[in-house]
């Protein structure tokens, strides 16, 4: 099932994409794609979408999940990306958080923060938690996943790596977490470790990889994270990026106002963002 949230930012309605690609309004069924709805997507999957109102036009798409309490990211989770960053492959997952205020729609603009000079791109597989997870083992970890989506882990490298302190200041700026376009339910993703992924800037392909080359797979990450804090419905795990980021280009290449970033993952759709200066 493909679940979306559509409408003006902060007032999104829940929806689903039917087999014909039409957007159907779920607001008469559920309040949001969030909380307990994510714990039992089977109830939505049983609906006859053709009987629900069709949404006219092409409304803005918001982030495909609401009510996110934690936006957890995994650093250096592709060995070839670690190499281009000049960092060793980690022995266990590297964790950092993005501010939930970074979450935005898949086609909302990338906003360059004031004084930004090194804003970068990262196509990533997003994992959305459905059932709460605490101390779960790897064998049962995927039972706690509601579905999957695309994340662009936008990163300001100077803020992240050249200033003192932790990575979060370069990762959590406004609109640094485009999410969606839709949440594809986990039952529609037989193997999250076999998804091709790509990212283009101004039509030029910069990233071309696969989730098959993750250092730590999705099941490992869910189990690992659940050792340290409870994962709740709507929490997002952004699982790392393959090589091809701007920092790794020779010479490095960073985003500027007017650039257009497009990205996609097999079965999960595509995103498109225009880069703009902050006001």
C-alpha atoms as a PDB file:
ATOM      1  CA  UNK A   1       0.000   0.000   0.000  1.00  0.00           C
ATOM      2  CA  UNK A   2       1.217   3.498  -0.862  1.00  0.00           C
ATOM      3  CA  UNK A   3       0.317   6.025   1.830  1.00  0.00           C
ATOM      4  CA  UNK A   4       0.735   9.774   1.483  1.00  0.00           C
ATOM      5  CA  UNK A   5      -0.038  13.003   3.277  1.00  0.00           C
ATOM      6  CA  UNK A   6      -1.187  15.892   1.105  1.00  0.00           C
ATOM      7  CA  UNK A   7      -2.074  19.552   1.468  1.00  0.00           C
ATOM      8  CA  UNK A   8      -0.570  22.664   2.954  1.00  0.00           C
ATOM      9  CA  UNK A   9       2.325  22.269   5.355  1.00  0.00           C
ATOM     10  CA  UNK A  10       1.065  21.675   8.866  1.00  0.00           C
ATOM     11  CA  UNK A  11      -2.432  20.814   7.642  1.00  0.00           C
ATOM     12  CA  UNK A  12      -1.776  17.660   5.622  1.00  0.00           C
ATOM     13  CA  UNK A  13      -4.509  15.070   5.130  1.00  0.00           C
ATOM     14  CA  UNK A  14      -3.941  11.313   4.914  1.00  0.00           C
ATOM     15  CA  UNK A  15      -4.271   9.639   1.552  1.00  0.00           C
ATOM     16  CA  UNK A  16      -3.456   6.535  -0.446  1.00  0.00           C
ATOM     17  CA  UNK A  17      -2.456   5.946  -4.050  1.00  0.00           C
ATOM     18  CA  UNK A  18      -4.660   3.363  -5.738  1.00  0.00           C
ATOM     19  CA  UNK A  19      -3.686   0.821  -8.406  1.00  0.00           C
ATOM     20  CA  UNK A  20      -4.408   3.359 -11.157  1.00  0.00           C
ATOM     21  CA  UNK A  21      -2.107   5.952  -9.608  1.00  0.00           C
ATOM     22  CA  UNK A  22      -4.983   8.121  -8.382  1.00  0.00           C
ATOM     23  CA  UNK A  23      -4.790   9.833  -4.993  1.00  0.00           C
ATOM     24  CA  UNK A  24      -7.622   8.876  -2.629  1.00  0.00           C
ATOM     25  CA  UNK A  25      -8.605  10.794   0.494  1.00  0.00           C
ATOM     26  CA  UNK A  26      -8.362   8.766   3.716  1.00  0.00           C
ATOM     27  CA  UNK A  27      -9.371  11.575   6.063  1.00  0.00           C
ATOM     28  CA  UNK A  28     -12.804  10.021   6.585  1.00  0.00           C
ATOM     29  CA  UNK A  29     -11.113   6.826   7.784  1.00  0.00           C
ATOM     30  CA  UNK A  30      -8.085   7.969   9.804  1.00  0.00           C
ATOM     31  CA  UNK A  31      -6.855  11.279  11.171  1.00  0.00           C
ATOM     32  CA  UNK A  32      -3.272  10.906   9.953  1.00  0.00           C
ATOM     33  CA  UNK A  33      -0.624   8.445   8.799  1.00  0.00           C
ATOM     34  CA  UNK A  34       0.775   8.331  12.309  1.00  0.00           C
ATOM     35  CA  UNK A  35       0.668   6.695  15.738  1.00  0.00           C
ATOM     36  CA  UNK A  36      -1.511   3.581  16.053  1.00  0.00           C
ATOM     37  CA  UNK A  37      -2.477   3.705  12.379  1.00  0.00           C
ATOM     38  CA  UNK A  38       1.102   2.668  11.574  1.00  0.00           C
ATOM     39  CA  UNK A  39       0.911  -0.280  13.962  1.00  0.00           C
ATOM     40  CA  UNK A  40      -1.897  -1.906  11.953  1.00  0.00           C
ATOM     41  CA  UNK A  41      -1.704  -1.023   8.285  1.00  0.00           C
ATOM     42  CA  UNK A  42      -3.650  -4.187   7.519  1.00  0.00           C
ATOM     43  CA  UNK A  43      -6.861  -2.322   8.318  1.00  0.00           C
ATOM     44  CA  UNK A  44      -6.093   0.244   5.618  1.00  0.00           C
ATOM     45  CA  UNK A  45      -4.939  -2.418   3.170  1.00  0.00           C
ATOM     46  CA  UNK A  46      -8.373  -4.044   3.435  1.00  0.00           C
ATOM     47  CA  UNK A  47     -10.138  -0.905   2.212  1.00  0.00           C
ATOM     48  CA  UNK A  48     -11.661  -0.608  -1.240  1.00  0.00           C
ATOM     49  CA  UNK A  49      -9.780   2.507  -2.320  1.00  0.00           C
ATOM     50  CA  UNK A  50     -12.000   2.949  -5.369  1.00  0.00           C
ATOM     51  CA  UNK A  51     -14.880   3.735  -3.007  1.00  0.00           C
ATOM     52  CA  UNK A  52     -13.015   6.636  -1.388  1.00  0.00           C
ATOM     53  CA  UNK A  53     -13.028  10.234  -2.675  1.00  0.00           C
ATOM     54  CA  UNK A  54     -10.567  10.935  -5.466  1.00  0.00           C
ATOM     55  CA  UNK A  55      -8.399  13.990  -4.846  1.00  0.00           C
ATOM     56  CA  UNK A  56      -8.529  16.433  -7.729  1.00  0.00           C
ATOM     57  CA  UNK A  57      -5.480  18.110  -9.213  1.00  0.00           C
ATOM     58  CA  UNK A  58      -1.930  17.727  -7.978  1.00  0.00           C
ATOM     59  CA  UNK A  59      -1.802  18.910  -4.372  1.00  0.00           C
ATOM     60  CA  UNK A  60       1.442  19.395  -2.507  1.00  0.00           C
ATOM     61  CA  UNK A  61       2.721  16.216  -0.892  1.00  0.00           C
ATOM     62  CA  UNK A  62       3.907  16.469   2.677  1.00  0.00           C
ATOM     63  CA  UNK A  63       6.194  14.056   4.481  1.00  0.00           C
ATOM     64  CA  UNK A  64       4.591  10.622   4.136  1.00  0.00           C
ATOM     65  CA  UNK A  65       4.470  10.029   7.912  1.00  0.00           C
ATOM     66  CA  UNK A  66       3.233  12.293  10.688  1.00  0.00           C
ATOM     67  CA  UNK A  67       3.857  12.480  14.406  1.00  0.00           C
ATOM     68  CA  UNK A  68       7.529  11.583  14.168  1.00  0.00           C
ATOM     69  CA  UNK A  69       9.160  11.735  17.574  1.00  0.00           C
ATOM     70  CA  UNK A  70      12.672  10.653  16.562  1.00  0.00           C
ATOM     71  CA  UNK A  71      14.474  11.181  13.262  1.00  0.00           C
ATOM     72  CA  UNK A  72      17.455   8.858  13.628  1.00  0.00           C
ATOM     73  CA  UNK A  73      20.261   8.717  11.075  1.00  0.00           C
ATOM     74  CA  UNK A  74      23.052   6.235  10.502  1.00  0.00           C
ATOM     75  CA  UNK A  75      26.413   7.594   9.430  1.00  0.00           C
ATOM     76  CA  UNK A  76      28.990   5.888   7.202  1.00  0.00           C
ATOM     77  CA  UNK A  77      26.759   2.853   6.617  1.00  0.00           C
ATOM     78  CA  UNK A  78      28.156   2.176   3.139  1.00  0.00           C
ATOM     79  CA  UNK A  79      31.821   1.197   3.075  1.00  0.00           C
ATOM     80  CA  UNK A  80      32.481   3.001  -0.225  1.00  0.00           C
ATOM     81  CA  UNK A  81      30.917   6.202   1.145  1.00  0.00           C
ATOM     82  CA  UNK A  82      33.128   5.936   4.235  1.00  0.00           C
ATOM     83  CA  UNK A  83      36.108   5.654   1.904  1.00  0.00           C
ATOM     84  CA  UNK A  84      35.171   8.786  -0.072  1.00  0.00           C
ATOM     85  CA  UNK A  85      34.709  10.630   3.247  1.00  0.00           C
ATOM     86  CA  UNK A  86      38.182   9.513   4.342  1.00  0.00           C
ATOM     87  CA  UNK A  87      36.783   7.747   7.405  1.00  0.00           C
ATOM     88  CA  UNK A  88      37.115   4.136   8.552  1.00  0.00           C
ATOM     89  CA  UNK A  89      34.210   1.712   8.220  1.00  0.00           C
ATOM     90  CA  UNK A  90      32.609   1.722  11.678  1.00  0.00           C
ATOM     91  CA  UNK A  91      32.574  -1.382  13.852  1.00  0.00           C
ATOM     92  CA  UNK A  92      29.047  -0.591  14.972  1.00  0.00           C
ATOM     93  CA  UNK A  93      26.413   1.850  13.707  1.00  0.00           C
ATOM     94  CA  UNK A  94      27.212   5.557  13.977  1.00  0.00           C
ATOM     95  CA  UNK A  95      24.116   7.369  15.259  1.00  0.00           C
ATOM     96  CA  UNK A  96      23.025  10.978  15.045  1.00  0.00           C
ATOM     97  CA  UNK A  97      19.691  12.768  15.063  1.00  0.00           C
ATOM     98  CA  UNK A  98      18.117  15.261  12.704  1.00  0.00           C
ATOM     99  CA  UNK A  99      15.721  17.790  14.205  1.00  0.00           C
ATOM    100  CA  UNK A 100      12.120  16.867  13.431  1.00  0.00           C
ATOM    101  CA  UNK A 101      11.753  20.421  12.077  1.00  0.00           C
ATOM    102  CA  UNK A 102      13.985  19.274   9.211  1.00  0.00           C
ATOM    103  CA  UNK A 103      11.197  16.978   7.984  1.00  0.00           C
ATOM    104  CA  UNK A 104       9.442  18.302   4.891  1.00  0.00           C
ATOM    105  CA  UNK A 105       7.684  17.126   1.778  1.00  0.00           C
ATOM    106  CA  UNK A 106       9.521  15.270  -0.991  1.00  0.00           C
ATOM    107  CA  UNK A 107       9.289  18.187  -3.413  1.00  0.00           C
ATOM    108  CA  UNK A 108       9.649  21.074  -0.984  1.00  0.00           C
ATOM    109  CA  UNK A 109      12.715  23.279  -1.591  1.00  0.00           C
ATOM    110  CA  UNK A 110      16.123  22.657  -0.086  1.00  0.00           C
ATOM    111  CA  UNK A 111      16.788  25.830   1.890  1.00  0.00           C
ATOM    112  CA  UNK A 112      20.426  26.943   2.101  1.00  0.00           C
ATOM    113  CA  UNK A 113      21.023  28.208   5.646  1.00  0.00           C
ATOM    114  CA  UNK A 114      22.571  31.636   6.076  1.00  0.00           C
ATOM    115  CA  UNK A 115      26.376  31.410   5.751  1.00  0.00           C
ATOM    116  CA  UNK A 116      26.117  27.965   4.166  1.00  0.00           C
ATOM    117  CA  UNK A 117      28.869  27.189   1.676  1.00  0.00           C
ATOM    118  CA  UNK A 118      28.931  23.380   1.645  1.00  0.00           C
ATOM    119  CA  UNK A 119      25.360  22.062   1.498  1.00  0.00           C
ATOM    120  CA  UNK A 120      25.376  18.484   0.220  1.00  0.00           C
ATOM    121  CA  UNK A 121      22.972  15.725  -0.818  1.00  0.00           C
ATOM    122  CA  UNK A 122      22.508  12.092   0.318  1.00  0.00           C
ATOM    123  CA  UNK A 123      19.891   9.684  -1.046  1.00  0.00           C
ATOM    124  CA  UNK A 124      18.881   7.239   1.702  1.00  0.00           C
ATOM    125  CA  UNK A 125      16.394   4.487   2.450  1.00  0.00           C
ATOM    126  CA  UNK A 126      14.009   5.597   5.178  1.00  0.00           C
ATOM    127  CA  UNK A 127      12.539   3.035   7.592  1.00  0.00           C
ATOM    128  CA  UNK A 128       9.335   3.986   9.418  1.00  0.00           C
ATOM    129  CA  UNK A 129       8.519   2.209  12.662  1.00  0.00           C
ATOM    130  CA  UNK A 130       5.048   0.720  13.055  1.00  0.00           C
ATOM    131  CA  UNK A 131       4.956  -1.293  16.266  1.00  0.00           C
ATOM    132  CA  UNK A 132       6.951  -0.077  19.267  1.00  0.00           C
ATOM    133  CA  UNK A 133      10.330  -1.793  19.568  1.00  0.00           C
ATOM    134  CA  UNK A 134      12.422  -2.229  22.702  1.00  0.00           C
ATOM    135  CA  UNK A 135      15.147  -4.845  23.090  1.00  0.00           C
ATOM    136  CA  UNK A 136      14.032  -6.686  19.956  1.00  0.00           C
ATOM    137  CA  UNK A 137      16.270  -9.300  18.392  1.00  0.00           C
ATOM    138  CA  UNK A 138      17.361  -9.136  14.780  1.00  0.00           C
ATOM    139  CA  UNK A 139      15.174 -12.083  13.775  1.00  0.00           C
ATOM    140  CA  UNK A 140      12.009 -10.224  14.731  1.00  0.00           C
ATOM    141  CA  UNK A 141      13.132  -6.673  14.022  1.00  0.00           C
ATOM    142  CA  UNK A 142      11.404  -6.239  10.659  1.00  0.00           C
ATOM    143  CA  UNK A 143       8.053  -7.081  12.292  1.00  0.00           C
ATOM    144  CA  UNK A 144       8.262  -3.606  13.843  1.00  0.00           C
ATOM    145  CA  UNK A 145       8.628  -1.802  10.497  1.00  0.00           C
ATOM    146  CA  UNK A 146       5.506  -0.172   9.012  1.00  0.00           C
ATOM    147  CA  UNK A 147       7.123   0.628   5.695  1.00  0.00           C
ATOM    148  CA  UNK A 148       9.827   2.325   3.677  1.00  0.00           C
ATOM    149  CA  UNK A 149      10.342   5.663   1.937  1.00  0.00           C
ATOM    150  CA  UNK A 150      12.978   7.914   0.383  1.00  0.00           C
ATOM    151  CA  UNK A 151      14.963  10.379   2.498  1.00  0.00           C
ATOM    152  CA  UNK A 152      17.312  13.074   1.249  1.00  0.00           C
ATOM    153  CA  UNK A 153      19.698  13.517   4.189  1.00  0.00           C
ATOM    154  CA  UNK A 154      20.698  17.053   3.228  1.00  0.00           C
ATOM    155  CA  UNK A 155      23.901  18.042   5.038  1.00  0.00           C
ATOM    156  CA  UNK A 156      25.877  21.254   5.494  1.00  0.00           C
ATOM    157  CA  UNK A 157      29.433  19.906   5.619  1.00  0.00           C
ATOM    158  CA  UNK A 158      31.119  22.992   7.078  1.00  0.00           C
ATOM    159  CA  UNK A 159      28.600  23.074   9.929  1.00  0.00           C
ATOM    160  CA  UNK A 160      28.925  19.302  10.341  1.00  0.00           C
ATOM    161  CA  UNK A 161      32.675  18.778  10.139  1.00  0.00           C
ATOM    162  CA  UNK A 162      34.496  22.102  10.459  1.00  0.00           C
ATOM    163  CA  UNK A 163      32.741  23.518  13.511  1.00  0.00           C
ATOM    164  CA  UNK A 164      33.162  22.170  17.016  1.00  0.00           C
ATOM    165  CA  UNK A 165      30.653  19.771  18.494  1.00  0.00           C
ATOM    166  CA  UNK A 166      28.479  17.040  17.056  1.00  0.00           C
ATOM    167  CA  UNK A 167      27.150  16.446  13.556  1.00  0.00           C
ATOM    168  CA  UNK A 168      23.587  17.526  14.348  1.00  0.00           C
ATOM    169  CA  UNK A 169      24.187  21.219  13.585  1.00  0.00           C
ATOM    170  CA  UNK A 170      25.036  20.337   9.991  1.00  0.00           C
ATOM    171  CA  UNK A 171      22.233  17.809   9.623  1.00  0.00           C
ATOM    172  CA  UNK A 172      19.132  19.295  11.233  1.00  0.00           C
ATOM    173  CA  UNK A 173      18.572  22.610   9.459  1.00  0.00           C
ATOM    174  CA  UNK A 174      15.102  23.484   8.193  1.00  0.00           C
ATOM    175  CA  UNK A 175      14.032  21.345   5.217  1.00  0.00           C
ATOM    176  CA  UNK A 176      17.108  19.118   5.509  1.00  0.00           C
ATOM    177  CA  UNK A 177      14.937  15.992   5.603  1.00  0.00           C
ATOM    178  CA  UNK A 178      12.657  15.604   2.553  1.00  0.00           C
ATOM    179  CA  UNK A 179      10.607  12.454   3.209  1.00  0.00           C
ATOM    180  CA  UNK A 180       8.420  10.533   0.762  1.00  0.00           C
ATOM    181  CA  UNK A 181       6.690  10.824  -1.699  1.00  0.00           C
ATOM    182  CA  UNK A 182       4.858   7.856  -0.212  1.00  0.00           C
ATOM    183  CA  UNK A 183       5.240   5.277   2.514  1.00  0.00           C
ATOM    184  CA  UNK A 184       5.283   1.839   0.918  1.00  0.00           C
ATOM    185  CA  UNK A 185       4.004  -0.738   3.393  1.00  0.00           C
ATOM    186  CA  UNK A 186       6.563  -3.313   4.474  1.00  0.00           C
ATOM    187  CA  UNK A 187       4.608  -6.206   2.963  1.00  0.00           C
ATOM    188  CA  UNK A 188       5.304  -4.671  -0.460  1.00  0.00           C
ATOM    189  CA  UNK A 189       9.086  -4.699   0.070  1.00  0.00           C
ATOM    190  CA  UNK A 190      10.197  -8.347   0.103  1.00  0.00           C
ATOM    191  CA  UNK A 191      13.866  -7.459   0.598  1.00  0.00           C
ATOM    192  CA  UNK A 192      14.888  -3.972   1.792  1.00  0.00           C
ATOM    193  CA  UNK A 193      18.502  -4.978   1.079  1.00  0.00           C
ATOM    194  CA  UNK A 194      17.936  -5.196  -2.666  1.00  0.00           C
ATOM    195  CA  UNK A 195      16.834  -1.718  -3.715  1.00  0.00           C
ATOM    196  CA  UNK A 196      18.631   0.406  -6.304  1.00  0.00           C
ATOM    197  CA  UNK A 197      19.005   4.088  -5.476  1.00  0.00           C
ATOM    198  CA  UNK A 198      20.164   7.154  -7.400  1.00  0.00           C
ATOM    199  CA  UNK A 199      20.473  10.922  -7.180  1.00  0.00           C
ATOM    200  CA  UNK A 200      20.963  13.561  -9.883  1.00  0.00           C
ATOM    201  CA  UNK A 201      21.912  17.232  -9.651  1.00  0.00           C
ATOM    202  CA  UNK A 202      20.785  19.337 -12.629  1.00  0.00           C
ATOM    203  CA  UNK A 203      20.268  16.120 -14.596  1.00  0.00           C
ATOM    204  CA  UNK A 204      23.763  14.753 -13.935  1.00  0.00           C
ATOM    205  CA  UNK A 205      23.880  11.485 -12.037  1.00  0.00           C
ATOM    206  CA  UNK A 206      25.906  11.825  -8.854  1.00  0.00           C
ATOM    207  CA  UNK A 207      24.857   8.749  -6.861  1.00  0.00           C
ATOM    208  CA  UNK A 208      24.093   5.267  -8.179  1.00  0.00           C
ATOM    209  CA  UNK A 209      24.019   2.557  -5.543  1.00  0.00           C
ATOM    210  CA  UNK A 210      22.081  -0.185  -3.846  1.00  0.00           C
ATOM    211  CA  UNK A 211      20.965  -1.001  -0.332  1.00  0.00           C
ATOM    212  CA  UNK A 212      22.723  -4.338  -0.890  1.00  0.00           C
ATOM    213  CA  UNK A 213      26.009  -2.673   0.069  1.00  0.00           C
ATOM    214  CA  UNK A 214      24.942  -1.421   3.514  1.00  0.00           C
ATOM    215  CA  UNK A 215      27.399  -2.256   6.276  1.00  0.00           C
ATOM    216  CA  UNK A 216      24.548  -2.820   8.754  1.00  0.00           C
ATOM    217  CA  UNK A 217      21.242  -3.976   7.293  1.00  0.00           C
ATOM    218  CA  UNK A 218      17.786  -2.737   8.287  1.00  0.00           C
ATOM    219  CA  UNK A 219      17.046  -5.595  10.678  1.00  0.00           C
ATOM    220  CA  UNK A 220      20.364  -5.064  12.459  1.00  0.00           C
ATOM    221  CA  UNK A 221      19.722  -1.322  12.766  1.00  0.00           C
ATOM    222  CA  UNK A 222      16.224  -1.721  14.247  1.00  0.00           C
ATOM    223  CA  UNK A 223      17.485  -4.285  16.747  1.00  0.00           C
ATOM    224  CA  UNK A 224      20.567  -2.218  17.618  1.00  0.00           C
ATOM    225  CA  UNK A 225      18.667   1.030  18.135  1.00  0.00           C
ATOM    226  CA  UNK A 226      16.055  -0.672  20.303  1.00  0.00           C
ATOM    227  CA  UNK A 227      18.784  -1.476  22.826  1.00  0.00           C
ATOM    228  CA  UNK A 228      19.208   2.205  23.668  1.00  0.00           C
ATOM    229  CA  UNK A 229      15.697   3.671  23.445  1.00  0.00           C
ATOM    230  CA  UNK A 230      12.213   2.555  22.553  1.00  0.00           C
ATOM    231  CA  UNK A 231      11.346   3.043  18.911  1.00  0.00           C
ATOM    232  CA  UNK A 232       7.791   4.371  18.624  1.00  0.00           C
ATOM    233  CA  UNK A 233       5.314   4.388  15.729  1.00  0.00           C
ATOM    234  CA  UNK A 234       6.268   7.138  13.303  1.00  0.00           C
ATOM    235  CA  UNK A 235       9.939   7.209  14.232  1.00  0.00           C
ATOM    236  CA  UNK A 236      12.139   7.383  11.134  1.00  0.00           C
ATOM    237  CA  UNK A 237      15.498   5.686  10.611  1.00  0.00           C
ATOM    238  CA  UNK A 238      17.529   7.080   7.714  1.00  0.00           C
ATOM    239  CA  UNK A 239      19.938   4.286   6.930  1.00  0.00           C
ATOM    240  CA  UNK A 240      22.939   5.889   5.237  1.00  0.00           C
ATOM    241  CA  UNK A 241      24.006   6.806   1.724  1.00  0.00           C
ATOM    242  CA  UNK A 242      26.111   5.265  -1.059  1.00  0.00           C
ATOM    243  CA  UNK A 243      29.063   7.158  -2.567  1.00  0.00           C
ATOM    244  CA  UNK A 244      28.701  10.127  -4.856  1.00  0.00           C
ATOM    245  CA  UNK A 245      27.991  12.937  -2.414  1.00  0.00           C
ATOM    246  CA  UNK A 246      29.248  16.427  -3.199  1.00  0.00           C
ATOM    247  CA  UNK A 247      31.962  16.263  -0.553  1.00  0.00           C
ATOM    248  CA  UNK A 248      33.455  13.264  -2.362  1.00  0.00           C
ATOM    249  CA  UNK A 249      33.701  14.899  -5.803  1.00  0.00           C
ATOM    250  CA  UNK A 250      37.082  16.044  -7.146  1.00  0.00           C
ATOM    251  CA  UNK A 251      36.979  18.942  -6.615  1.00  0.00           C
ATOM    252  CA  UNK A 252      34.086  18.954  -4.105  1.00  0.00           C
ATOM    253  CA  UNK A 253      30.792  20.191  -5.522  1.00  0.00           C
ATOM    254  CA  UNK A 254      28.104  21.708  -3.306  1.00  0.00           C
ATOM    255  CA  UNK A 255      24.584  22.957  -3.898  1.00  0.00           C
ATOM    256  CA  UNK A 256      23.797  26.526  -4.914  1.00  0.00           C
ATOM    257  CA  UNK A 257      20.537  28.409  -5.366  1.00  0.00           C
ATOM    258  CA  UNK A 258      18.764  27.305  -8.523  1.00  0.00           C
ATOM    259  CA  UNK A 259      20.129  23.762  -8.564  1.00  0.00           C
ATOM    260  CA  UNK A 260      17.586  20.974  -9.021  1.00  0.00           C
ATOM    261  CA  UNK A 261      18.038  17.710  -7.117  1.00  0.00           C
ATOM    262  CA  UNK A 262      16.148  14.586  -8.171  1.00  0.00           C
ATOM    263  CA  UNK A 263      16.444  11.222  -6.455  1.00  0.00           C
ATOM    264  CA  UNK A 264      14.744   7.863  -6.306  1.00  0.00           C
ATOM    265  CA  UNK A 265      14.759   4.339  -4.944  1.00  0.00           C
ATOM    266  CA  UNK A 266      13.295   1.232  -6.577  1.00  0.00           C
ATOM    267  CA  UNK A 267       9.563   0.880  -5.798  1.00  0.00           C
ATOM    268  CA  UNK A 268       9.593   4.004  -3.590  1.00  0.00           C
ATOM    269  CA  UNK A 269       9.100   6.722  -6.192  1.00  0.00           C
ATOM    270  CA  UNK A 270      11.072   9.910  -6.742  1.00  0.00           C
ATOM    271  CA  UNK A 271      11.706  13.273  -5.133  1.00  0.00           C
ATOM    272  CA  UNK A 272      12.498  16.639  -6.728  1.00  0.00           C
ATOM    273  CA  UNK A 273      13.832  19.694  -4.902  1.00  0.00           C
ATOM    274  CA  UNK A 274      14.843  23.153  -6.070  1.00  0.00           C
ATOM    275  CA  UNK A 275      17.601  24.785  -4.012  1.00  0.00           C
ATOM    276  CA  UNK A 276      16.800  28.259  -2.632  1.00  0.00           C
ATOM    277  CA  UNK A 277      18.496  30.760  -0.343  1.00  0.00           C
ATOM    278  CA  UNK A 278      17.074  31.255   3.141  1.00  0.00           C
ATOM    279  CA  UNK A 279      15.316  34.583   3.516  1.00  0.00           C
END
